[in-house]
Amino acid sequence: MKNYRKEITLHVPSQRGFLVITQQVRDCVRESGITEGIVLINSMHVTSSVFVDDEEQGLFRHYETWLEKVAPVLEAGEYSDEVIGEDIIDAHMKRHVMGRE
């Protein structure tokens, strides 16, 4: 069985954002030379997510609104005495909603 592995580094220009990686995935599949199989895309950072959906800016805006409803930003003191950055807490909670791969 053939396999191919490639790491791609992406940078989000703000605290949260949506990046379309379709072309990078296509390029990797082409580079691999593999014509049949499964592609696994996994984010290697615990506060980021990979998901499949339509490439539509309006949809991305709806995700932003929806995420704030299902996983609103919580201050660390609202549920814990531990002091960690509230942006980190927010990113972890929202990643759980969106999934990893």
C-alpha atoms as a PDB file:
ATOM      1  CA  MET A   1       0.000   0.000   0.000  1.00  0.00           C
ATOM      2  CA  LYS A   2       1.351   3.410  -0.952  1.00  0.00           C
ATOM      3  CA  ASN A   3       1.214   6.360   1.376  1.00  0.00           C
ATOM      4  CA  TYR A   4       2.238   9.971   1.206  1.00  0.00           C
ATOM      5  CA  ARG A   5       2.642  12.527   3.963  1.00  0.00           C
ATOM      6  CA  LYS A   6       3.143  16.242   3.692  1.00  0.00           C
ATOM      7  CA  GLU A   7       2.980  19.030   6.247  1.00  0.00           C
ATOM      8  CA  ILE A   8       1.583  22.389   5.199  1.00  0.00           C
ATOM      9  CA  THR A   9       1.960  25.462   7.371  1.00  0.00           C
ATOM     10  CA  LEU A  10      -0.873  27.970   7.304  1.00  0.00           C
ATOM     11  CA  HIS A  11      -1.209  31.300   9.048  1.00  0.00           C
ATOM     12  CA  VAL A  12      -4.520  32.874  10.007  1.00  0.00           C
ATOM     13  CA  PRO A  13      -4.199  36.665   9.952  1.00  0.00           C
ATOM     14  CA  SER A  14      -6.490  37.166  12.953  1.00  0.00           C
ATOM     15  CA  GLN A  15      -7.427  35.382  16.161  1.00  0.00           C
ATOM     16  CA  ARG A  16     -10.021  33.300  14.317  1.00  0.00           C
ATOM     17  CA  GLY A  17     -10.551  32.777  10.632  1.00  0.00           C
ATOM     18  CA  PHE A  18     -11.513  30.377   7.900  1.00  0.00           C
ATOM     19  CA  LEU A  19      -8.993  29.302   5.281  1.00  0.00           C
ATOM     20  CA  VAL A  20      -9.862  27.388   2.131  1.00  0.00           C
ATOM     21  CA  ILE A  21      -7.208  24.714   1.575  1.00  0.00           C
ATOM     22  CA  THR A  22      -8.764  22.873  -1.366  1.00  0.00           C
ATOM     23  CA  GLN A  23      -5.971  23.761  -3.801  1.00  0.00           C
ATOM     24  CA  GLN A  24      -3.218  22.774  -1.347  1.00  0.00           C
ATOM     25  CA  VAL A  25      -4.923  19.391  -0.861  1.00  0.00           C
ATOM     26  CA  ARG A  26      -5.245  18.903  -4.622  1.00  0.00           C
ATOM     27  CA  ASP A  27      -1.567  19.751  -5.060  1.00  0.00           C
ATOM     28  CA  CYS A  28      -0.566  17.211  -2.410  1.00  0.00           C
ATOM     29  CA  VAL A  29      -2.655  14.474  -4.010  1.00  0.00           C
ATOM     30  CA  ARG A  30      -1.120  15.255  -7.408  1.00  0.00           C
ATOM     31  CA  GLU A  31       2.418  15.257  -5.912  1.00  0.00           C
ATOM     32  CA  SER A  32       1.780  11.897  -4.284  1.00  0.00           C
ATOM     33  CA  GLY A  33       1.140  10.131  -7.560  1.00  0.00           C
ATOM     34  CA  ILE A  34      -1.522   8.065  -5.827  1.00  0.00           C
ATOM     35  CA  THR A  35      -4.701   7.742  -7.889  1.00  0.00           C
ATOM     36  CA  GLU A  36      -6.969   5.848  -5.461  1.00  0.00           C
ATOM     37  CA  GLY A  37      -7.347   6.048  -1.734  1.00  0.00           C
ATOM     38  CA  ILE A  38      -8.300   8.244   1.175  1.00  0.00           C
ATOM     39  CA  VAL A  39      -6.965  11.651   2.122  1.00  0.00           C
ATOM     40  CA  LEU A  40      -6.696  12.436   5.830  1.00  0.00           C
ATOM     41  CA  ILE A  41      -6.274  16.065   6.718  1.00  0.00           C
ATOM     42  CA  ASN A  42      -5.445  16.668  10.348  1.00  0.00           C
ATOM     43  CA  SER A  43      -4.674  19.924  12.054  1.00  0.00           C
ATOM     44  CA  MET A  44      -1.591  19.522  14.192  1.00  0.00           C
ATOM     45  CA  HIS A  45      -2.580  22.373  16.514  1.00  0.00           C
ATOM     46  CA  VAL A  46      -5.037  21.629  19.293  1.00  0.00           C
ATOM     47  CA  THR A  47      -6.957  24.899  18.867  1.00  0.00           C
ATOM     48  CA  SER A  48      -7.592  24.622  15.137  1.00  0.00           C
ATOM     49  CA  SER A  49     -10.074  22.623  13.134  1.00  0.00           C
ATOM     50  CA  VAL A  50     -10.430  21.146   9.666  1.00  0.00           C
ATOM     51  CA  PHE A  51     -13.886  20.621   8.205  1.00  0.00           C
ATOM     52  CA  VAL A  52     -15.502  20.126   4.811  1.00  0.00           C
ATOM     53  CA  ASP A  53     -18.189  22.505   3.598  1.00  0.00           C
ATOM     54  CA  ASP A  54     -19.031  24.819   0.704  1.00  0.00           C
ATOM     55  CA  GLU A  55     -16.589  27.615  -0.065  1.00  0.00           C
ATOM     56  CA  GLU A  56     -18.899  30.523   0.607  1.00  0.00           C
ATOM     57  CA  GLN A  57     -18.059  33.672   2.566  1.00  0.00           C
ATOM     58  CA  GLY A  58     -21.665  34.033   3.751  1.00  0.00           C
ATOM     59  CA  LEU A  59     -21.473  30.561   5.242  1.00  0.00           C
ATOM     60  CA  PHE A  60     -18.261  31.442   7.069  1.00  0.00           C
ATOM     61  CA  ARG A  61     -19.988  34.495   8.591  1.00  0.00           C
ATOM     62  CA  HIS A  62     -22.855  32.274   9.733  1.00  0.00           C
ATOM     63  CA  TYR A  63     -20.346  29.912  11.352  1.00  0.00           C
ATOM     64  CA  GLU A  64     -18.922  32.869  13.308  1.00  0.00           C
ATOM     65  CA  THR A  65     -22.375  33.794  14.629  1.00  0.00           C
ATOM     66  CA  TRP A  66     -23.317  30.186  15.343  1.00  0.00           C
ATOM     67  CA  LEU A  67     -20.069  29.462  17.182  1.00  0.00           C
ATOM     68  CA  GLU A  68     -20.654  32.420  19.503  1.00  0.00           C
ATOM     69  CA  LYS A  69     -24.121  31.023  20.326  1.00  0.00           C
ATOM     70  CA  VAL A  70     -23.067  27.431  20.999  1.00  0.00           C
ATOM     71  CA  ALA A  71     -19.652  28.204  22.516  1.00  0.00           C
ATOM     72  CA  PRO A  72     -19.665  31.800  23.760  1.00  0.00           C
ATOM     73  CA  VAL A  73     -16.477  33.430  24.961  1.00  0.00           C
ATOM     74  CA  LEU A  74     -16.081  32.771  28.678  1.00  0.00           C
ATOM     75  CA  GLU A  75     -13.787  34.629  30.981  1.00  0.00           C
ATOM     76  CA  ALA A  76     -11.492  32.282  32.934  1.00  0.00           C
ATOM     77  CA  GLY A  77     -13.016  33.430  36.236  1.00  0.00           C
ATOM     78  CA  GLU A  78     -16.548  32.490  35.143  1.00  0.00           C
ATOM     79  CA  TYR A  79     -15.913  28.790  35.641  1.00  0.00           C
ATOM     80  CA  SER A  80     -12.464  28.357  37.096  1.00  0.00           C
ATOM     81  CA  ASP A  81      -9.927  29.944  39.384  1.00  0.00           C
ATOM     82  CA  GLU A  82      -7.146  28.930  37.004  1.00  0.00           C
ATOM     83  CA  VAL A  83      -5.527  31.799  35.199  1.00  0.00           C
ATOM     84  CA  ILE A  84      -4.997  31.056  31.523  1.00  0.00           C
ATOM     85  CA  GLY A  85      -5.598  33.305  28.566  1.00  0.00           C
ATOM     86  CA  GLU A  86      -9.262  33.736  27.725  1.00  0.00           C
ATOM     87  CA  ASP A  87      -8.477  33.603  24.003  1.00  0.00           C
ATOM     88  CA  ILE A  88      -6.946  30.170  24.524  1.00  0.00           C
ATOM     89  CA  ILE A  89     -10.007  28.951  26.433  1.00  0.00           C
ATOM     90  CA  ASP A  90     -12.261  30.271  23.653  1.00  0.00           C
ATOM     91  CA  ALA A  91     -10.204  28.563  20.939  1.00  0.00           C
ATOM     92  CA  HIS A  92     -10.292  25.208  22.741  1.00  0.00           C
ATOM     93  CA  MET A  93     -14.063  25.321  23.253  1.00  0.00           C
ATOM     94  CA  LYS A  94     -14.806  26.277  19.661  1.00  0.00           C
ATOM     95  CA  ARG A  95     -12.450  23.638  18.271  1.00  0.00           C
ATOM     96  CA  HIS A  96     -14.392  20.964  20.178  1.00  0.00           C
ATOM     97  CA  VAL A  97     -17.564  22.108  18.428  1.00  0.00           C
ATOM     98  CA  MET A  98     -15.972  22.184  14.955  1.00  0.00           C
ATOM     99  CA  GLY A  99     -13.990  18.947  15.205  1.00  0.00           C
ATOM    100  CA  ARG A 100     -10.389  18.165  14.271  1.00  0.00           C
ATOM    101  CA  GLU A 101     -10.318  16.460  10.884  1.00  0.00           C
END
